[in-house]
Amino acid sequence: MEPLFLWDPFFDWDERMTAENVTHLVGLCKDFVLAMLRTEEAVSRMDEDLTTEEMKEALGEVLGWIQETDEIPENSFTRELAREIIGQLSSVVVLKDYKGSADRYIA
């Protein structure tokens, strides 16, 4: 089984997928989703304290880190996904008239 999260030092990826390992994986996924929510909330409040230029600079710094860091493997799906998520979240800040997704499946 190929690991989903290469950076998790507490998970033995050479083991079979046991009930304990499944529980651990579910926990990692929940942590990931909750971290995305915290990020979304923080990004959406940026305009309360920062100018447009400061917001763009901060988001540019994050995107630059994603591109340059050696903490994320170069050929990792994580790097691409992180760029996409941060880009989408930042549309709330950059586009003042952003009303959310028009997709019906997003409530």
N, C-alpha and C. Protein backbone atom coordinates (compact mmCIF):
# COMPACT_ATOMS: atom_id res chain seq x y z
N MET A 1 0.84 -1.17 0.00
CA MET A 1 0.00 0.00 0.00
C MET A 1 0.89 1.23 0.00
N GLU A 2 0.64 2.16 -0.90
CA GLU A 2 1.41 3.40 -1.00
C GLU A 2 0.90 4.39 0.04
N PRO A 3 1.77 5.05 0.79
CA PRO A 3 1.32 5.98 1.82
C PRO A 3 0.65 7.21 1.22
N LEU A 4 -0.38 7.69 1.90
CA LEU A 4 -1.04 8.92 1.49
C LEU A 4 -0.30 10.12 2.05
N PHE A 5 0.25 10.00 3.24
CA PHE A 5 0.95 11.08 3.89
C PHE A 5 2.36 10.61 4.21
N LEU A 6 3.31 10.96 3.38
CA LEU A 6 4.68 10.48 3.54
C LEU A 6 5.35 11.03 4.79
N TRP A 7 4.87 12.12 5.31
CA TRP A 7 5.52 12.81 6.41
C TRP A 7 5.07 12.34 7.78
N ASP A 8 4.17 11.41 7.88
CA ASP A 8 3.66 10.98 9.18
C ASP A 8 4.64 10.01 9.83
N PRO A 9 5.40 10.45 10.85
CA PRO A 9 6.42 9.59 11.45
C PRO A 9 5.84 8.53 12.38
N PHE A 10 4.56 8.62 12.71
CA PHE A 10 3.97 7.70 13.67
C PHE A 10 3.26 6.52 13.01
N PHE A 11 3.23 6.50 11.71
CA PHE A 11 2.49 5.46 11.02
C PHE A 11 3.46 4.53 10.32
N ASP A 12 3.35 3.25 10.58
CA ASP A 12 4.22 2.26 9.95
C ASP A 12 3.55 1.79 8.66
N TRP A 13 4.00 2.32 7.54
CA TRP A 13 3.36 2.04 6.25
C TRP A 13 3.70 0.66 5.73
N ASP A 14 4.61 -0.05 6.41
CA ASP A 14 4.92 -1.41 5.99
C ASP A 14 3.93 -2.42 6.56
N GLU A 15 3.13 -1.99 7.52
CA GLU A 15 2.14 -2.88 8.11
C GLU A 15 0.93 -3.01 7.19
N ARG A 16 0.19 -4.12 7.40
CA ARG A 16 -1.09 -4.26 6.71
C ARG A 16 -2.05 -3.22 7.25
N MET A 17 -3.09 -2.90 6.51
CA MET A 17 -4.07 -1.93 6.95
C MET A 17 -4.98 -2.60 7.98
N THR A 18 -4.65 -2.41 9.23
CA THR A 18 -5.42 -2.97 10.33
C THR A 18 -6.48 -1.96 10.77
N ALA A 19 -7.37 -2.38 11.64
CA ALA A 19 -8.39 -1.46 12.16
C ALA A 19 -7.73 -0.26 12.84
N GLU A 20 -6.65 -0.50 13.55
CA GLU A 20 -5.93 0.60 14.21
C GLU A 20 -5.35 1.57 13.18
N ASN A 21 -4.79 1.01 12.11
CA ASN A 21 -4.24 1.86 11.06
C ASN A 21 -5.33 2.65 10.35
N VAL A 22 -6.48 2.05 10.14
CA VAL A 22 -7.61 2.75 9.52
C VAL A 22 -8.04 3.90 10.42
N THR A 23 -8.14 3.66 11.70
CA THR A 23 -8.51 4.70 12.65
C THR A 23 -7.51 5.86 12.59
N HIS A 24 -6.24 5.52 12.51
CA HIS A 24 -5.19 6.53 12.40
C HIS A 24 -5.35 7.34 11.11
N LEU A 25 -5.59 6.67 10.02
CA LEU A 25 -5.77 7.33 8.73
C LEU A 25 -6.99 8.26 8.75
N VAL A 26 -8.08 7.80 9.33
CA VAL A 26 -9.28 8.64 9.45
C VAL A 26 -8.96 9.89 10.27
N GLY A 27 -8.19 9.72 11.33
CA GLY A 27 -7.79 10.86 12.15
C GLY A 27 -6.95 11.86 11.37
N LEU A 28 -6.02 11.36 10.57
CA LEU A 28 -5.21 12.25 9.73
C LEU A 28 -6.08 13.03 8.75
N CYS A 29 -7.04 12.36 8.15
CA CYS A 29 -7.93 13.03 7.19
C CYS A 29 -8.78 14.09 7.88
N LYS A 30 -9.28 13.79 9.06
CA LYS A 30 -10.07 14.78 9.81
C LYS A 30 -9.20 15.99 10.17
N ASP A 31 -7.97 15.73 10.62
CA ASP A 31 -7.06 16.83 10.95
C ASP A 31 -6.81 17.70 9.73
N PHE A 32 -6.64 17.08 8.57
CA PHE A 32 -6.40 17.80 7.32
C PHE A 32 -7.58 18.71 6.99
N VAL A 33 -8.79 18.19 7.08
CA VAL A 33 -9.98 18.97 6.75
C VAL A 33 -10.16 20.12 7.74
N LEU A 34 -9.95 19.86 9.02
CA LEU A 34 -10.09 20.92 10.02
C LEU A 34 -9.01 21.99 9.85
N ALA A 35 -7.81 21.60 9.45
CA ALA A 35 -6.76 22.58 9.17
C ALA A 35 -7.15 23.44 7.97
N MET A 36 -7.78 22.84 6.96
CA MET A 36 -8.25 23.63 5.81
C MET A 36 -9.30 24.64 6.26
N LEU A 37 -10.20 24.23 7.15
CA LEU A 37 -11.23 25.13 7.65
C LEU A 37 -10.60 26.31 8.40
N ARG A 38 -9.63 26.02 9.27
CA ARG A 38 -8.95 27.10 10.00
C ARG A 38 -8.25 28.06 9.04
N THR A 39 -7.65 27.52 8.00
CA THR A 39 -6.99 28.35 7.00
C THR A 39 -8.00 29.21 6.26
N GLU A 40 -9.11 28.61 5.85
CA GLU A 40 -10.15 29.36 5.16
C GLU A 40 -10.65 30.52 6.03
N GLU A 41 -10.90 30.26 7.29
CA GLU A 41 -11.38 31.30 8.20
C GLU A 41 -10.35 32.42 8.34
N ALA A 42 -9.08 32.07 8.47
CA ALA A 42 -8.03 33.08 8.62
C ALA A 42 -7.88 33.91 7.35
N VAL A 43 -7.88 33.25 6.20
CA VAL A 43 -7.75 33.97 4.93
C VAL A 43 -8.94 34.89 4.71
N SER A 44 -10.12 34.43 5.04
CA SER A 44 -11.31 35.25 4.78
C SER A 44 -11.39 36.47 5.70
N ARG A 45 -10.63 36.47 6.81
CA ARG A 45 -10.61 37.62 7.71
C ARG A 45 -9.42 38.54 7.48
N MET A 46 -8.59 38.24 6.51
CA MET A 46 -7.39 39.05 6.28
C MET A 46 -7.72 40.51 6.00
N ASP A 47 -8.79 40.76 5.30
CA ASP A 47 -9.10 42.14 4.90
C ASP A 47 -9.56 43.00 6.07
N GLU A 48 -9.77 42.40 7.24
CA GLU A 48 -10.15 43.18 8.41
C GLU A 48 -8.97 44.01 8.93
N ASP A 49 -7.75 43.52 8.74
CA ASP A 49 -6.58 44.19 9.31
C ASP A 49 -5.51 44.58 8.28
N LEU A 50 -5.60 44.06 7.08
CA LEU A 50 -4.54 44.29 6.10
C LEU A 50 -5.07 45.03 4.87
N THR A 51 -4.19 45.80 4.24
CA THR A 51 -4.55 46.42 2.97
C THR A 51 -4.53 45.36 1.88
N THR A 52 -5.07 45.69 0.73
CA THR A 52 -5.06 44.74 -0.40
C THR A 52 -3.64 44.35 -0.75
N GLU A 53 -2.73 45.32 -0.75
CA GLU A 53 -1.33 45.04 -1.08
C GLU A 53 -0.70 44.11 -0.04
N GLU A 54 -0.98 44.32 1.24
CA GLU A 54 -0.45 43.46 2.29
C GLU A 54 -1.00 42.04 2.18
N MET A 55 -2.29 41.93 1.82
CA MET A 55 -2.88 40.60 1.65
C MET A 55 -2.23 39.86 0.50
N LYS A 56 -2.04 40.55 -0.61
CA LYS A 56 -1.40 39.92 -1.77
C LYS A 56 0.03 39.51 -1.44
N GLU A 57 0.73 40.35 -0.68
CA GLU A 57 2.10 40.03 -0.29
C GLU A 57 2.14 38.79 0.60
N ALA A 58 1.22 38.71 1.57
CA ALA A 58 1.17 37.56 2.47
C ALA A 58 0.86 36.28 1.70
N LEU A 59 -0.13 36.33 0.82
CA LEU A 59 -0.48 35.15 0.03
C LEU A 59 0.64 34.77 -0.92
N GLY A 60 1.33 35.78 -1.47
CA GLY A 60 2.48 35.50 -2.33
C GLY A 60 3.60 34.81 -1.57
N GLU A 61 3.78 35.21 -0.31
CA GLU A 61 4.80 34.57 0.52
C GLU A 61 4.46 33.09 0.75
N VAL A 62 3.19 32.83 1.01
CA VAL A 62 2.76 31.43 1.22
C VAL A 62 2.97 30.62 -0.05
N LEU A 63 2.52 31.16 -1.18
CA LEU A 63 2.67 30.43 -2.45
C LEU A 63 4.14 30.25 -2.80
N GLY A 64 4.98 31.23 -2.49
CA GLY A 64 6.42 31.09 -2.71
C GLY A 64 7.02 29.98 -1.86
N TRP A 65 6.58 29.92 -0.60
CA TRP A 65 7.06 28.85 0.29
C TRP A 65 6.65 27.48 -0.25
N ILE A 66 5.41 27.36 -0.68
CA ILE A 66 4.93 26.09 -1.23
C ILE A 66 5.81 25.66 -2.40
N GLN A 67 6.17 26.61 -3.24
CA GLN A 67 6.98 26.31 -4.43
C GLN A 67 8.42 25.93 -4.07
N GLU A 68 8.98 26.60 -3.06
CA GLU A 68 10.41 26.48 -2.79
C GLU A 68 10.79 25.51 -1.68
N THR A 69 9.86 25.18 -0.79
CA THR A 69 10.24 24.39 0.39
C THR A 69 10.70 22.98 0.02
N ASP A 70 11.65 22.50 0.79
CA ASP A 70 12.07 21.11 0.62
C ASP A 70 11.32 20.20 1.60
N GLU A 71 10.37 20.76 2.33
CA GLU A 71 9.53 19.96 3.24
C GLU A 71 8.46 19.18 2.49
N ILE A 72 8.19 19.59 1.26
CA ILE A 72 7.22 18.90 0.41
C ILE A 72 8.00 18.34 -0.79
N PRO A 73 7.91 17.03 -1.04
CA PRO A 73 8.63 16.48 -2.20
C PRO A 73 8.23 17.19 -3.49
N GLU A 74 9.20 17.41 -4.36
CA GLU A 74 8.97 18.17 -5.60
C GLU A 74 7.87 17.57 -6.46
N ASN A 75 7.81 16.28 -6.57
CA ASN A 75 6.82 15.64 -7.45
C ASN A 75 5.55 15.25 -6.70
N SER A 76 5.34 15.87 -5.56
CA SER A 76 4.22 15.52 -4.70
C SER A 76 2.91 16.16 -5.17
N PHE A 77 1.85 15.40 -5.06
CA PHE A 77 0.52 15.93 -5.33
C PHE A 77 0.18 17.03 -4.33
N THR A 78 0.74 16.93 -3.13
CA THR A 78 0.49 17.90 -2.07
C THR A 78 0.86 19.31 -2.51
N ARG A 79 1.99 19.46 -3.18
CA ARG A 79 2.44 20.79 -3.62
C ARG A 79 1.41 21.41 -4.57
N GLU A 80 0.97 20.65 -5.54
CA GLU A 80 -0.01 21.17 -6.51
C GLU A 80 -1.36 21.46 -5.83
N LEU A 81 -1.79 20.55 -5.00
CA LEU A 81 -3.06 20.72 -4.31
C LEU A 81 -3.02 21.95 -3.39
N ALA A 82 -1.92 22.14 -2.69
CA ALA A 82 -1.79 23.30 -1.80
C ALA A 82 -1.87 24.60 -2.59
N ARG A 83 -1.21 24.66 -3.75
CA ARG A 83 -1.29 25.87 -4.59
C ARG A 83 -2.73 26.14 -5.00
N GLU A 84 -3.45 25.09 -5.39
CA GLU A 84 -4.83 25.25 -5.83
C GLU A 84 -5.73 25.72 -4.69
N ILE A 85 -5.59 25.10 -3.53
CA ILE A 85 -6.44 25.46 -2.39
C ILE A 85 -6.18 26.89 -1.95
N ILE A 86 -4.91 27.27 -1.79
CA ILE A 86 -4.59 28.63 -1.37
C ILE A 86 -5.06 29.62 -2.43
N GLY A 87 -4.91 29.29 -3.69
CA GLY A 87 -5.39 30.16 -4.75
C GLY A 87 -6.89 30.37 -4.69
N GLN A 88 -7.62 29.31 -4.46
CA GLN A 88 -9.08 29.42 -4.37
C GLN A 88 -9.50 30.18 -3.13
N LEU A 89 -8.87 29.92 -2.00
CA LEU A 89 -9.21 30.65 -0.78
C LEU A 89 -8.90 32.14 -0.92
N SER A 90 -7.82 32.45 -1.60
CA SER A 90 -7.43 33.86 -1.72
C SER A 90 -8.37 34.64 -2.64
N SER A 91 -9.17 33.97 -3.44
CA SER A 91 -10.11 34.70 -4.30
C SER A 91 -11.10 35.49 -3.46
N VAL A 92 -11.40 35.03 -2.27
CA VAL A 92 -12.29 35.75 -1.36
C VAL A 92 -11.68 37.10 -0.99
N VAL A 93 -10.36 37.13 -0.84
CA VAL A 93 -9.67 38.35 -0.44
C VAL A 93 -9.45 39.28 -1.63
N VAL A 94 -8.98 38.72 -2.72
CA VAL A 94 -8.59 39.53 -3.87
C VAL A 94 -9.80 40.06 -4.62
N LEU A 95 -10.83 39.25 -4.76
CA LEU A 95 -12.04 39.66 -5.47
C LEU A 95 -13.07 40.12 -4.45
N LYS A 96 -13.17 41.39 -4.26
CA LYS A 96 -14.05 41.94 -3.22
C LYS A 96 -15.52 41.57 -3.43
N ASP A 97 -15.92 41.33 -4.68
CA ASP A 97 -17.32 41.01 -4.95
C ASP A 97 -17.56 39.51 -5.09
N TYR A 98 -16.60 38.69 -4.63
CA TYR A 98 -16.74 37.23 -4.74
C TYR A 98 -17.93 36.77 -3.91
N LYS A 99 -18.82 36.02 -4.52
CA LYS A 99 -20.04 35.57 -3.86
C LYS A 99 -20.04 34.07 -3.57
N GLY A 100 -18.94 33.41 -3.79
CA GLY A 100 -18.88 31.97 -3.57
C GLY A 100 -19.11 31.21 -4.87
N SER A 101 -19.11 29.92 -4.76
CA SER A 101 -19.25 29.06 -5.92
C SER A 101 -20.69 29.05 -6.46
N ALA A 102 -20.80 29.00 -7.75
CA ALA A 102 -22.12 28.86 -8.38
C ALA A 102 -22.52 27.40 -8.50
N ASP A 103 -21.60 26.50 -8.13
CA ASP A 103 -21.91 25.06 -8.22
C ASP A 103 -23.01 24.70 -7.23
N ARG A 104 -24.00 23.99 -7.70
CA ARG A 104 -25.15 23.65 -6.86
C ARG A 104 -24.81 22.67 -5.76
N TYR A 105 -23.78 21.86 -5.94
CA TYR A 105 -23.46 20.87 -4.92
C TYR A 105 -22.77 21.50 -3.71
N ILE A 106 -22.37 22.76 -3.83
CA ILE A 106 -21.78 23.48 -2.70
C ILE A 106 -22.85 24.34 -2.08
N ALA A 107 -23.25 24.01 -0.86
CA ALA A 107 -24.35 24.74 -0.21
C ALA A 107 -23.91 26.09 0.28
